[in-house]
Amino acid sequence: MGCVLEVDVDGEGVFFVDKDVLAPFSGKIKNLVDERPASTRRPHRRVVALHSFPGGAEAFELVARFCYTGGSGLAVTTANACALRCAAQFMDMADTPASSTKPSLVKMTEKVLEEMPHWPWQSVVDAVKECQRLFPLSESSGVFDRVVGALLSQMAVTGDATPTSSSPESSAFRFSCDTKCSSLSMRRTWWFEDLVVLSPGMVERVAKALLARGADHGIVARFIFYYLKCRIAGANADDKKLMLEAAIAVIADLDGASVSCKGLFGILRIASPLKLAGACQDTLVDMIGRKLDHATLDNLLVPAPSGTSSLYDVSLVLRFLEAFMRHSGGARYEPPRLKKVGALMDMYLAEVAPDSSLQPARFVELATALPAAARDCHDALYRAIDVYFQVHGRLTDDEKMKICKGINYEKLSPECCKHLATNAGFPTRAAVQALASQHTVLKGIIRHSGPLKPAPSSPQPPATGKYHRPDSYSDVGVDGDDNNGQVVLYASRLDLSLENQNLKSLLDGMHWRVMELEKVCSRMKAEMTKMKAPRRRGAAARSLPRMCS
C-alpha cells in the first residue's frame, strides 16, 4: 500500500484510503496532497479534511468504493444519483472521453439522471429535496435543471394517471370555486402539497425555473399563495420574511392576470409589521399600483405604522397612486380604469377626512393626486373636504384654499354648489368661485341651446320643468362623455329644450342664482367692513368694488 490518507468528512466519519487509488480519479485529492508543504507530510499517513461534502460521509464512502472497484462495485440508483453527481463535481472527477475505457462516475450518474422524467413521482420529489440540501453544487452540476425538467413533465400528467399515492379528493386543501372549476384545478394542482415542505429559497428557484420552461403562470401563482397559506401560520418573524420575499420575487415574474389584487393586499398585510427589504417592498407596492383599479376601500385602509399618530397609512396609498399613474401612462388611453381609481379615492378621502391627525399637506396630496379626467363629478370630493374642514377647525383660509384647489367647481352639482355658497366652513373666495363657475356653466348652456323657436300657433301645454331648489346636496351622476357631461347634467336638472316655456324655466333658475351670488357678495361686504374698523362704515362700503352689480 502506498501513502495512506486519513480523510475527515465533515466530522461525520473518518476514512483511511490509499492516495494512489483515489488520486487517478479525483483531481481534488491529488491537489490537496501535492499542495501540502513537504515539512508537514508524514511518510505513511496524511490527514485531509473535506468540509461541506455533498451527501456527507455516506456519499464519500460510495465514491471511495467506486475508485477501489473501478466502478463495478457501485450501483447508482434514483436514491443516490443526485448526491453522487454532486460528489463527483466536488471531488473534481472529470468526465472521460467517449473513446476512453476508464470508468467515469460522472457518466454513470448522468445516465441515471437522464431517466428522471420516468422516475416514480415520489423519487422526483425526493430529488428536489436532495437538491435543496446539495445547493449550490446541484445547480452548477446541472442536477437541479434535470429535476425541474422532470417536475414539469410529471406535473402535466392529469386525471387518473396522476403519479401520486393520494387522490386529489383526499388532499388537505380546497379551492373556493365551483365544482367544475375545482375538479379541473385539482387535476392541475395535485402536486402542491408535496412541494410545500421546501425552503423559501428553494421554492423561489423551483418556481422561477418552472416559469422559464413555460409553466402556466396561473398555476405557479396559486402554488405560491398555497405555500404561504400553509407555512406562514406558526412561523417566526424571520421565516415569514424569507417566505414573503421569496413569494414576491416569484410573483414579480408572473403576468398581471395571474395574480389578484386581493392576493397582493393579503401579502401586504402580513408584510407590514415585518419590515421587508426596501427593494422587496418597492416591488410589492409597484405590483399593487398596477392593479389599483381592482382594489376596494377595505384594501386601502392599511393601519399607519406604529409610532405615528395617524389612523391610516396615507403615504402608502400615495405610493400606490404614483405607481398606477406611472404604469398607466397617466391613464390617458384607459379612462375607465382612471375613473375607477377616482371613485375609489373619493371613498378613501371620505374615510380619512375625520382623522384629526391627518396633516393638510397629506390631504392636499390625496385630493390632487389624480388628473381632472379621473372625476366626472366633484361632489364626493367636496363632501370629503367639508368633513376635513369641520374636523380641522383651526385651518387658515390660505390652507383651506390650497385644499380647495382640488375641486373643479364646474363639476359640482347645483345642490353642492348651493351648499358650498352657504357653508361657513369654506373660505368666502371659494364660495364666490363656485357660484361664478356655475354662472359660467349656465351661460354656456344657453349659448349651446341655439336661437329661440317661434311659438307655434296651436296652444302649448303648461311648462312642467320648473327649477327645484333642494335644501341640501345629494349624490349626482353625470351621463355622457367628458366633453358634454356638464351640459347634459344641467340640461337634465333644468329640463332644458328649445321650446320657449322650458327656456323661461331655465332663465328663472339663472335669476335665482344671480340672487344667491348677490347675497354672498353682500356678506363679503359686511365682513370686509368689519375688518376695516378704523375707517368709517360708509367710506369702507363705498371703497369696495361693485362685484355684484
Protein backbone atom coordinates (compact mmCIF):
# COMPACT_ATOMS: atom_id res chain seq x y z
CA MET A 1 0.00 0.00 0.00
CA GLY A 2 1.22 3.50 -0.88
CA CYS A 3 0.56 6.67 1.07
CA VAL A 4 -2.44 6.38 3.40
CA LEU A 5 -4.85 9.30 3.63
CA GLU A 6 -6.87 9.96 6.77
CA VAL A 7 -9.93 11.68 5.31
CA ASP A 8 -12.23 13.51 7.73
CA VAL A 9 -15.62 14.12 6.09
CA ASP A 10 -17.47 16.97 7.84
CA GLY A 11 -16.72 15.42 11.21
CA GLU A 12 -19.22 12.67 10.40
CA GLY A 13 -16.70 9.97 9.67
CA VAL A 14 -13.02 9.29 9.15
CA PHE A 15 -11.84 7.12 6.25
CA PHE A 16 -8.40 5.63 5.68
CA VAL A 17 -7.85 5.35 1.96
CA ASP A 18 -4.91 4.84 -0.38
CA LYS A 19 -3.93 8.08 -2.04
CA ASP A 20 -2.69 6.20 -5.13
CA VAL A 21 -6.15 4.65 -5.57
CA LEU A 22 -8.20 7.87 -5.28
CA ALA A 23 -5.82 10.36 -6.94
CA PRO A 24 -6.21 8.98 -10.51
CA PHE A 25 -9.98 9.56 -10.30
CA SER A 26 -10.09 12.71 -8.13
CA GLY A 27 -8.26 15.87 -9.01
CA LYS A 28 -9.18 17.31 -5.58
CA ILE A 29 -7.40 14.54 -3.65
CA LYS A 30 -4.36 14.82 -5.89
CA ASN A 31 -4.14 18.60 -5.47
CA LEU A 32 -4.73 18.56 -1.68
CA VAL A 33 -1.85 16.19 -1.15
CA ASP A 34 0.52 17.79 -3.63
CA GLU A 35 -0.04 21.28 -2.23
CA ARG A 36 0.87 20.41 1.35
CA PRO A 37 4.36 21.65 2.39
CA ALA A 38 6.94 18.90 2.41
CA SER A 39 7.79 19.56 6.09
CA THR A 40 4.23 18.72 7.15
CA ARG A 41 3.97 15.46 5.26
CA ARG A 42 4.25 12.20 7.13
CA PRO A 43 5.95 9.31 5.37
CA HIS A 44 2.96 6.95 5.53
CA ARG A 45 -0.14 8.88 6.71
CA ARG A 46 -1.55 12.22 5.77
CA VAL A 47 -4.67 13.96 7.10
CA VAL A 48 -7.19 15.50 4.69
CA ALA A 49 -10.32 17.34 5.83
CA LEU A 50 -13.27 17.63 3.46
CA HIS A 51 -15.83 20.24 4.51
CA SER A 52 -19.39 20.53 3.16
CA PHE A 53 -19.08 17.29 1.26
CA PRO A 54 -22.27 16.71 -0.77
CA GLY A 55 -24.13 13.77 0.68
CA GLY A 56 -21.88 13.58 3.73
CA ALA A 57 -19.87 10.56 4.85
CA GLU A 58 -22.28 8.14 3.17
CA ALA A 59 -21.69 9.66 -0.26
CA PHE A 60 -17.90 9.72 0.27
CA GLU A 61 -17.95 6.01 1.08
CA LEU A 62 -19.72 5.32 -2.23
CA VAL A 63 -17.17 7.46 -4.10
CA ALA A 64 -14.29 5.57 -2.47
CA ARG A 65 -15.94 2.27 -3.38
CA PHE A 66 -16.17 3.42 -6.98
CA CYS A 67 -12.46 4.24 -7.01
CA TYR A 68 -11.43 0.97 -5.43
CA THR A 69 -13.58 -1.22 -7.69
CA GLY A 70 -13.22 0.72 -10.89
CA GLY A 71 -16.96 1.37 -10.93
CA SER A 72 -18.06 -2.23 -10.84
CA GLY A 73 -18.84 -2.21 -7.13
CA LEU A 74 -21.14 0.81 -7.19
CA ALA A 75 -24.86 0.81 -8.03
CA VAL A 76 -26.21 4.25 -8.98
CA THR A 77 -29.93 4.47 -8.14
CA THR A 78 -32.64 7.12 -8.03
CA ALA A 79 -31.92 7.49 -4.33
CA ASN A 80 -28.21 8.34 -4.65
CA ALA A 81 -27.79 9.66 -8.22
CA CYS A 82 -28.12 13.35 -7.28
CA ALA A 83 -25.71 13.14 -4.36
CA LEU A 84 -23.14 11.11 -6.35
CA ARG A 85 -23.29 13.53 -9.29
CA CYS A 86 -22.62 16.47 -6.94
CA ALA A 87 -19.92 14.49 -5.13
CA ALA A 88 -18.19 13.85 -8.45
CA GLN A 89 -18.28 17.59 -9.10
CA PHE A 90 -16.93 18.31 -5.61
CA MET A 91 -14.09 15.77 -5.98
CA ASP A 92 -13.18 17.08 -9.44
CA MET A 93 -13.78 13.71 -11.02
CA ALA A 94 -13.61 14.88 -14.62
CA ASP A 95 -15.62 13.16 -17.29
CA THR A 96 -13.61 10.89 -19.58
CA PRO A 97 -13.72 10.96 -23.38
CA ALA A 98 -16.20 8.63 -25.04
CA SER A 99 -13.35 6.59 -26.54
CA SER A 100 -11.76 6.01 -23.12
CA THR A 101 -12.31 2.75 -21.29
CA LYS A 102 -11.60 4.32 -17.93
CA PRO A 103 -14.73 4.24 -15.69
CA SER A 104 -16.40 7.61 -15.06
CA LEU A 105 -18.66 8.37 -12.11
CA VAL A 106 -19.99 11.40 -13.99
CA LYS A 107 -21.15 9.21 -16.89
CA MET A 108 -22.71 6.65 -14.57
CA THR A 109 -24.76 9.25 -12.69
CA GLU A 110 -25.74 11.21 -15.81
CA LYS A 111 -27.12 8.05 -17.39
CA VAL A 112 -29.46 7.56 -14.43
CA LEU A 113 -30.42 11.23 -14.23
CA GLU A 114 -31.41 11.23 -17.90
CA GLU A 115 -34.23 8.85 -16.99
CA MET A 116 -35.57 11.15 -14.26
CA PRO A 117 -38.76 12.14 -16.18
CA HIS A 118 -39.73 8.46 -15.94
CA TRP A 119 -38.93 8.06 -12.25
CA PRO A 120 -41.76 7.49 -9.76
CA TRP A 121 -43.23 10.82 -8.61
CA GLN A 122 -42.03 10.37 -5.04
CA SER A 123 -38.48 9.79 -6.29
CA VAL A 124 -38.64 13.10 -8.18
CA VAL A 125 -39.90 14.88 -5.06
CA ASP A 126 -37.04 13.33 -3.06
CA ALA A 127 -34.62 14.57 -5.73
CA VAL A 128 -35.97 18.11 -5.30
CA LYS A 129 -35.40 17.90 -1.56
CA GLU A 130 -31.92 16.50 -2.21
CA CYS A 131 -31.14 19.45 -4.49
CA GLN A 132 -32.11 21.75 -1.64
CA ARG A 133 -29.52 20.12 0.61
CA LEU A 134 -26.87 20.00 -2.12
CA PHE A 135 -27.24 23.59 -3.30
CA PRO A 136 -25.27 25.28 -4.91
CA LEU A 137 -23.50 22.21 -6.31
CA SER A 138 -26.83 20.84 -7.51
CA GLU A 139 -27.17 23.92 -9.69
CA SER A 140 -23.62 24.10 -11.02
CA SER A 141 -23.57 20.37 -11.81
CA GLY A 142 -26.83 20.55 -13.80
CA VAL A 143 -28.74 18.28 -11.43
CA PHE A 144 -31.25 20.97 -10.49
CA ASP A 145 -32.07 21.67 -14.12
CA ARG A 146 -32.79 17.99 -14.71
CA VAL A 147 -35.00 17.84 -11.62
CA VAL A 148 -37.06 20.83 -12.81
CA GLY A 149 -37.50 19.20 -16.21
CA ALA A 150 -38.74 16.03 -14.55
CA LEU A 151 -41.12 18.02 -12.34
CA LEU A 152 -42.63 19.83 -15.30
CA SER A 153 -43.12 16.67 -17.34
CA GLN A 154 -44.84 14.88 -14.46
CA MET A 155 -46.95 17.89 -13.45
CA ALA A 156 -48.54 17.72 -16.88
CA VAL A 157 -50.00 14.30 -16.02
CA THR A 158 -53.66 14.74 -15.07
CA GLY A 159 -56.68 12.70 -14.17
CA ASP A 160 -56.39 9.06 -13.15
CA ALA A 161 -52.80 8.90 -14.38
CA THR A 162 -51.64 11.38 -11.73
CA PRO A 163 -48.45 9.85 -10.29
CA THR A 164 -49.25 10.32 -6.63
CA SER A 165 -50.27 7.99 -3.88
CA SER A 166 -53.14 10.21 -2.69
CA SER A 167 -56.12 11.27 -4.77
CA PRO A 168 -56.94 14.97 -5.15
CA GLU A 169 -60.18 14.45 -3.25
CA SER A 170 -58.27 13.41 -0.14
CA SER A 171 -55.92 16.37 -0.17
CA ALA A 172 -55.86 18.76 2.75
CA PHE A 173 -56.62 21.81 0.62
CA ARG A 174 -59.63 23.02 -1.32
CA PHE A 175 -60.15 25.96 -3.63
CA SER A 176 -63.14 28.24 -3.38
CA CYS A 177 -64.65 27.91 -6.83
CA ASP A 178 -67.45 25.96 -8.45
CA THR A 179 -67.42 22.17 -8.72
CA LYS A 180 -66.36 22.07 -12.34
CA CYS A 181 -63.52 24.50 -11.74
CA SER A 182 -62.46 22.65 -8.60
CA SER A 183 -62.24 19.37 -10.45
CA LEU A 184 -60.06 20.92 -13.14
CA SER A 185 -57.97 22.72 -10.56
CA MET A 186 -57.31 19.55 -8.61
CA ARG A 187 -56.12 17.79 -11.73
CA ARG A 188 -53.61 20.57 -12.32
CA THR A 189 -52.58 21.32 -8.71
CA TRP A 190 -52.27 17.86 -7.18
CA TRP A 191 -48.54 18.38 -6.66
CA PHE A 192 -48.83 21.44 -4.37
CA GLU A 193 -48.84 19.51 -1.13
CA ASP A 194 -45.69 17.53 -1.98
CA LEU A 195 -43.57 20.65 -2.59
CA VAL A 196 -44.88 22.81 0.23
CA VAL A 197 -42.18 21.42 2.54
CA LEU A 198 -39.39 23.13 0.59
CA SER A 199 -37.48 26.08 1.99
CA PRO A 200 -38.40 29.59 0.77
CA GLY A 201 -35.21 29.86 -1.27
CA MET A 202 -35.84 26.53 -2.96
CA VAL A 203 -39.47 27.39 -3.68
CA GLU A 204 -38.31 30.56 -5.40
CA ARG A 205 -35.75 28.67 -7.50
CA VAL A 206 -38.18 25.92 -8.47
CA ALA A 207 -40.98 28.36 -9.34
CA LYS A 208 -38.75 30.57 -11.46
CA ALA A 209 -37.25 27.56 -13.22
CA LEU A 210 -40.74 26.25 -13.99
CA LEU A 211 -41.71 29.63 -15.44
CA ALA A 212 -38.57 29.69 -17.57
CA ARG A 213 -39.61 26.33 -19.01
CA GLY A 214 -43.08 27.54 -19.93
CA ALA A 215 -45.16 26.51 -16.92
CA ASP A 216 -48.63 28.02 -16.60
CA HIS A 217 -48.36 31.34 -14.75
CA GLY A 218 -51.74 30.95 -13.10
CA ILE A 219 -50.83 27.56 -11.62
CA VAL A 220 -47.48 28.81 -10.34
CA ALA A 221 -49.25 31.80 -8.75
CA ARG A 222 -51.71 29.51 -6.98
CA PHE A 223 -48.87 27.36 -5.72
CA ILE A 224 -47.12 30.40 -4.24
CA PHE A 225 -50.26 31.50 -2.37
CA TYR A 226 -50.92 27.94 -1.24
CA TYR A 227 -47.35 27.74 0.06
CA LEU A 228 -47.82 30.94 2.06
CA LYS A 229 -51.17 29.75 3.41
CA CYS A 230 -49.63 26.52 4.67
CA ARG A 231 -46.33 27.84 6.00
CA ILE A 232 -46.95 31.38 7.32
CA ALA A 233 -49.09 30.28 10.25
CA GLY A 234 -46.88 29.47 13.22
CA ALA A 235 -43.65 30.69 11.59
CA ASN A 236 -41.40 33.16 13.37
CA ALA A 237 -40.79 36.66 12.06
CA ASP A 238 -37.52 35.81 10.29
CA ASP A 239 -39.03 32.83 8.49
CA LYS A 240 -42.06 34.89 7.48
CA LYS A 241 -39.77 37.50 5.95
CA LEU A 242 -37.95 34.85 3.92
CA MET A 243 -41.23 33.33 2.70
CA LEU A 244 -42.74 36.66 1.72
CA GLU A 245 -39.62 37.90 -0.03
CA ALA A 246 -39.41 34.65 -2.00
CA ALA A 247 -43.10 34.88 -2.90
CA ILE A 248 -42.81 38.50 -4.04
CA ALA A 249 -39.76 37.66 -6.16
CA VAL A 250 -41.73 34.95 -7.97
CA ILE A 251 -44.96 36.97 -8.35
CA ALA A 252 -42.98 39.82 -9.90
CA ASP A 253 -42.13 37.49 -12.81
CA LEU A 254 -45.76 36.48 -13.42
CA ASP A 255 -48.06 38.16 -15.91
CA GLY A 256 -50.52 40.58 -14.34
CA ALA A 257 -53.62 38.48 -15.00
CA SER A 258 -52.27 35.58 -12.91
CA VAL A 259 -52.36 37.39 -9.56
CA SER A 260 -55.39 39.02 -7.98
CA CYS A 261 -55.32 42.40 -6.31
CA LYS A 262 -56.84 40.78 -3.22
CA GLY A 263 -53.94 38.34 -3.02
CA LEU A 264 -51.36 41.12 -3.23
CA PHE A 265 -53.07 43.05 -0.43
CA GLY A 266 -53.09 39.85 1.62
CA ILE A 267 -49.31 39.68 1.30
CA LEU A 268 -49.07 43.37 2.16
CA ARG A 269 -51.00 42.97 5.42
CA ILE A 270 -48.73 40.15 6.55
CA ALA A 271 -45.60 42.01 5.46
CA SER A 272 -46.48 45.40 7.00
CA PRO A 273 -45.08 44.72 10.50
CA LEU A 274 -42.09 42.69 9.26
CA LYS A 275 -40.00 45.42 7.58
CA LEU A 276 -39.10 43.62 4.38
CA ALA A 277 -36.07 44.64 2.35
CA GLY A 278 -36.56 48.01 0.67
CA ALA A 279 -36.37 46.61 -2.88
CA CYS A 280 -38.90 43.94 -1.98
CA GLN A 281 -41.33 46.49 -0.54
CA ASP A 282 -40.98 48.66 -3.64
CA THR A 283 -41.75 45.67 -5.86
CA LEU A 284 -44.90 44.85 -3.89
CA VAL A 285 -46.11 48.46 -3.94
CA ASP A 286 -45.45 48.62 -7.68
CA MET A 287 -47.46 45.45 -8.36
CA ILE A 288 -50.40 46.72 -6.29
CA GLY A 289 -50.26 50.10 -8.03
CA ARG A 290 -50.64 48.39 -11.42
CA LYS A 291 -53.90 46.84 -10.20
CA LEU A 292 -55.22 49.74 -8.17
CA ASP A 293 -58.39 49.92 -10.26
CA HIS A 294 -59.30 46.46 -8.88
CA ALA A 295 -58.80 47.45 -5.24
CA THR A 296 -61.55 48.07 -2.70
CA LEU A 297 -61.80 50.62 0.09
CA ASP A 298 -61.07 47.94 2.69
CA ASN A 299 -57.87 47.09 0.84
CA LEU A 300 -56.60 50.67 1.17
CA LEU A 301 -57.38 51.05 4.87
CA VAL A 302 -53.95 49.87 6.00
CA PRO A 303 -53.19 50.92 9.60
CA ALA A 304 -50.46 53.51 9.97
CA PRO A 305 -47.04 52.26 11.15
CA SER A 306 -46.51 52.11 14.86
CA GLY A 307 -45.19 55.33 16.34
CA THR A 308 -47.34 57.56 14.15
CA SER A 309 -50.49 59.35 15.29
CA SER A 310 -52.49 58.88 12.08
CA LEU A 311 -55.09 56.17 11.76
CA TYR A 312 -54.19 55.01 8.26
CA ASP A 313 -51.04 54.76 6.17
CA VAL A 314 -51.75 57.60 3.74
CA SER A 315 -48.17 57.63 2.44
CA LEU A 316 -48.58 54.05 1.26
CA VAL A 317 -51.73 54.92 -0.69
CA LEU A 318 -49.93 57.83 -2.33
CA ARG A 319 -47.23 55.39 -3.44
CA PHE A 320 -49.94 53.18 -4.94
CA LEU A 321 -51.28 56.16 -6.87
CA GLU A 322 -47.83 57.07 -8.16
CA ALA A 323 -47.29 53.51 -9.38
CA PHE A 324 -50.71 53.43 -11.04
CA MET A 325 -50.12 56.68 -12.90
CA ARG A 326 -46.61 55.61 -13.89
CA HIS A 327 -47.69 52.31 -15.42
CA SER A 328 -50.90 53.56 -16.99
CA GLY A 329 -49.16 56.46 -18.70
CA GLY A 330 -51.44 58.81 -16.83
CA ALA A 331 -54.28 56.55 -17.92
CA ARG A 332 -54.76 58.77 -20.99
CA TYR A 333 -55.72 55.76 -23.04
CA GLU A 334 -57.69 53.93 -20.33
CA PRO A 335 -60.28 56.37 -18.95
CA PRO A 336 -62.45 53.59 -17.42
CA ARG A 337 -59.57 52.46 -15.21
CA LEU A 338 -58.74 56.03 -14.25
CA LYS A 339 -62.34 56.76 -13.27
CA LYS A 340 -62.49 53.61 -11.16
CA VAL A 341 -59.46 54.81 -9.24
CA GLY A 342 -61.02 58.28 -8.97
CA ALA A 343 -64.16 56.82 -7.38
CA LEU A 344 -62.02 54.71 -5.07
CA MET A 345 -60.02 57.74 -3.95
CA ASP A 346 -63.22 59.67 -3.24
CA MET A 347 -64.29 56.91 -0.86
CA TYR A 348 -60.82 56.82 0.71
CA LEU A 349 -60.82 60.59 1.21
CA ALA A 350 -64.21 60.38 2.92
CA GLU A 351 -62.80 57.68 5.22
CA VAL A 352 -59.60 59.50 6.23
CA ALA A 353 -61.06 63.04 6.38
CA PRO A 354 -62.29 62.64 10.01
CA ASP A 355 -58.74 61.76 11.14
CA SER A 356 -57.69 64.72 13.26
CA SER A 357 -54.02 63.74 12.90
CA LEU A 358 -54.01 63.87 9.10
CA GLN A 359 -51.88 66.83 8.05
CA PRO A 360 -53.26 69.31 5.50
CA ALA A 361 -50.31 68.71 3.16
CA ARG A 362 -51.10 64.98 3.03
CA PHE A 363 -54.77 65.64 2.42
CA VAL A 364 -53.91 68.01 -0.43
CA GLU A 365 -51.69 65.33 -1.99
CA LEU A 366 -54.54 62.83 -1.86
CA ALA A 367 -57.08 65.27 -3.27
CA THR A 368 -54.87 66.37 -6.17
CA ALA A 369 -53.02 63.13 -6.98
CA LEU A 370 -55.24 62.24 -9.95
CA PRO A 371 -55.79 64.28 -13.12
CA ALA A 372 -59.07 66.06 -13.82
CA ALA A 373 -60.29 63.27 -16.09
CA ALA A 374 -60.50 60.89 -13.12
CA ARG A 375 -63.76 62.50 -11.90
CA ASP A 376 -66.85 63.45 -13.87
CA CYS A 377 -68.43 64.95 -10.75
CA HIS A 378 -66.64 66.54 -7.80
CA ASP A 379 -69.48 66.25 -5.28
CA ALA A 380 -67.82 63.41 -3.34
CA LEU A 381 -64.55 65.31 -3.21
CA TYR A 382 -66.37 68.38 -1.91
CA ARG A 383 -68.05 66.36 0.84
CA ALA A 384 -64.74 64.89 1.96
CA ILE A 385 -63.16 68.36 2.10
CA ASP A 386 -66.20 69.63 4.00
CA VAL A 387 -65.72 66.93 6.65
CA TYR A 388 -61.99 67.66 6.83
CA PHE A 389 -62.66 71.37 7.43
CA GLN A 390 -65.15 70.54 10.18
CA VAL A 391 -62.64 68.29 11.98
CA HIS A 392 -59.71 70.68 11.48
CA GLY A 393 -61.34 73.89 12.66
CA ARG A 394 -58.07 75.77 13.11
CA LEU A 395 -57.08 75.84 9.45
CA THR A 396 -56.42 79.27 7.99
CA ASP A 397 -58.18 80.49 4.85
CA ASP A 398 -54.94 80.13 2.90
CA GLU A 399 -54.61 76.48 3.96
CA LYS A 400 -58.25 75.88 3.05
CA MET A 401 -57.81 77.47 -0.37
CA LYS A 402 -54.86 75.16 -1.08
CA ILE A 403 -57.10 72.19 -0.33
CA CYS A 404 -59.93 73.64 -2.43
CA LYS A 405 -57.63 73.69 -5.45
CA GLY A 406 -58.56 70.04 -5.92
CA ILE A 407 -62.19 70.98 -6.64
CA ASN A 408 -63.35 71.77 -10.15
CA TYR A 409 -66.34 73.98 -9.37
CA GLU A 410 -67.79 73.48 -12.82
CA LYS A 411 -68.12 69.76 -11.99
CA LEU A 412 -70.19 70.41 -8.86
CA SER A 413 -73.91 69.69 -8.93
CA PRO A 414 -76.33 72.58 -8.29
CA GLU A 415 -77.08 71.14 -4.85
CA CYS A 416 -73.42 71.03 -3.80
CA CYS A 417 -72.77 74.44 -5.25
CA LYS A 418 -75.65 75.91 -3.24
CA HIS A 419 -74.42 74.14 -0.12
CA LEU A 420 -70.88 75.48 -0.63
CA ALA A 421 -72.20 79.03 -1.09
CA THR A 422 -73.82 78.92 2.35
CA ASN A 423 -71.11 76.81 4.05
CA ALA A 424 -69.40 78.91 6.71
CA GLY A 425 -66.55 76.40 6.90
CA PHE A 426 -65.32 77.27 3.40
CA PRO A 427 -63.43 80.47 2.58
CA THR A 428 -65.54 83.21 1.01
CA ARG A 429 -63.29 83.18 -2.03
CA ALA A 430 -64.17 79.53 -2.65
CA ALA A 431 -67.89 80.30 -2.45
CA VAL A 432 -67.55 83.15 -4.95
CA GLN A 433 -65.51 80.99 -7.32
CA ALA A 434 -68.10 78.22 -7.10
CA LEU A 435 -71.05 80.48 -7.92
CA ALA A 436 -69.12 82.26 -10.66
CA SER A 437 -68.25 78.91 -12.23
CA GLN A 438 -71.88 77.82 -12.07
CA HIS A 439 -72.90 81.09 -13.70
CA THR A 440 -70.39 80.42 -16.49
CA VAL A 441 -71.76 76.92 -16.99
CA LEU A 442 -75.32 78.20 -17.30
CA LYS A 443 -74.28 80.84 -19.81
CA GLY A 444 -72.56 78.14 -21.83
CA ILE A 445 -75.75 76.07 -21.82
CA ILE A 446 -77.74 78.98 -23.20
CA ARG A 447 -75.09 79.61 -25.85
CA HIS A 448 -75.22 75.99 -26.99
CA SER A 449 -79.02 75.79 -26.92
CA GLY A 450 -79.34 77.81 -30.13
CA PRO A 451 -81.81 80.53 -31.15
CA LEU A 452 -85.34 80.58 -29.82
CA LYS A 453 -88.02 78.97 -31.92
CA PRO A 454 -91.18 80.97 -32.60
CA ALA A 455 -94.16 79.82 -30.64
CA PRO A 456 -96.44 77.54 -32.66
CA SER A 457 -99.99 78.66 -33.44
CA SER A 458 -101.53 75.81 -31.51
CA PRO A 459 -101.71 76.23 -27.76
CA GLN A 460 -98.78 74.76 -25.84
CA PRO A 461 -99.09 72.66 -22.71
CA PRO A 462 -98.06 74.37 -19.50
CA ALA A 463 -94.42 74.13 -18.56
CA THR A 464 -93.53 71.35 -16.15
CA GLY A 465 -89.79 71.90 -15.92
CA LYS A 466 -89.86 74.36 -13.06
CA TYR A 467 -86.45 74.57 -11.32
CA HIS A 468 -86.38 72.95 -7.90
CA ARG A 469 -84.03 74.18 -5.20
CA PRO A 470 -83.13 71.36 -2.73
CA ASP A 471 -82.21 72.18 0.83
CA SER A 472 -79.08 70.02 0.92
CA TYR A 473 -76.66 68.43 -1.53
CA SER A 474 -77.15 64.88 -2.70
CA ASP A 475 -75.42 62.38 -4.94
CA VAL A 476 -75.39 63.46 -8.53
CA GLY A 477 -74.31 61.38 -11.52
CA VAL A 478 -73.21 62.67 -14.90
CA ASP A 479 -74.16 60.99 -18.14
CA GLY A 480 -72.35 61.33 -21.42
CA ASP A 481 -68.74 61.72 -22.40
CA ASP A 482 -66.15 64.05 -20.96
CA ASN A 483 -66.86 66.85 -23.43
CA ASN A 484 -70.58 67.34 -22.90
CA GLY A 485 -71.04 65.88 -19.43
CA GLN A 486 -71.70 69.21 -17.75
CA VAL A 487 -74.19 70.30 -20.41
CA VAL A 488 -76.12 67.05 -20.04
CA LEU A 489 -76.01 67.43 -16.24
CA TYR A 490 -77.57 70.85 -16.21
CA ALA A 491 -79.91 70.12 -19.08
CA SER A 492 -81.27 67.13 -17.17
CA ARG A 493 -81.55 69.17 -13.98
CA LEU A 494 -83.28 72.13 -15.63
CA ASP A 495 -85.22 70.20 -18.29
CA LEU A 496 -83.68 72.43 -20.95
CA SER A 497 -85.09 72.38 -24.50
CA LEU A 498 -85.55 74.73 -27.35
CA GLU A 499 -89.21 75.46 -26.56
CA ASN A 500 -89.98 78.86 -25.09
CA GLN A 501 -91.61 77.59 -21.94
CA ASN A 502 -88.65 75.44 -20.95
CA LEU A 503 -86.21 78.23 -21.75
CA LYS A 504 -88.20 80.51 -19.45
CA SER A 505 -87.74 77.96 -16.64
CA LEU A 506 -84.02 77.99 -17.31
CA LEU A 507 -83.88 81.78 -17.13
CA ASP A 508 -85.79 81.68 -13.84
CA GLY A 509 -83.15 79.37 -12.47
CA MET A 510 -80.40 81.70 -13.64
CA HIS A 511 -82.14 84.62 -11.99
CA TRP A 512 -82.21 82.72 -8.71
CA ARG A 513 -78.51 82.01 -8.97
CA VAL A 514 -77.72 85.66 -9.56
CA MET A 515 -79.70 86.49 -6.44
CA GLU A 516 -77.72 83.92 -4.49
CA LEU A 517 -74.48 85.45 -5.76
CA GLU A 518 -75.62 88.90 -4.68
CA LYS A 519 -76.35 87.61 -1.18
CA VAL A 520 -72.84 86.17 -0.97
CA CYS A 521 -71.36 89.44 -2.14
CA SER A 522 -73.36 91.32 0.48
CA ARG A 523 -71.97 89.07 3.18
CA MET A 524 -68.47 89.66 1.84
CA LYS A 525 -69.00 93.42 2.02
CA ALA A 526 -70.16 93.16 5.61
CA GLU A 527 -67.15 91.04 6.59
CA MET A 528 -64.68 93.35 4.88
CA THR A 529 -66.33 96.35 6.56
CA LYS A 530 -65.71 94.78 9.96
CA MET A 531 -62.08 94.15 9.00
CA LYS A 532 -61.61 97.87 8.31
CA ALA A 533 -62.84 99.12 11.68
CA PRO A 534 -60.65 102.30 11.80
CA ARG A 535 -62.43 103.62 8.75
CA ARG A 536 -65.94 104.97 8.67
CA ARG A 537 -68.51 102.36 7.75
CA GLY A 538 -69.88 104.44 4.89
CA ALA A 539 -66.44 105.10 3.42
CA ALA A 540 -65.48 101.45 3.72
CA ALA A 541 -68.61 100.36 1.93
CA ARG A 542 -68.10 102.89 -0.90
CA SER A 543 -64.46 101.80 -1.32
CA LEU A 544 -65.50 98.26 -2.26
CA PRO A 545 -65.66 97.39 -5.95
CA ARG A 546 -69.12 96.74 -7.30
CA MET A 547 -68.63 93.00 -7.69
CA CYS A 548 -72.24 92.02 -7.96
CA SER A 549 -73.84 94.92 -9.85
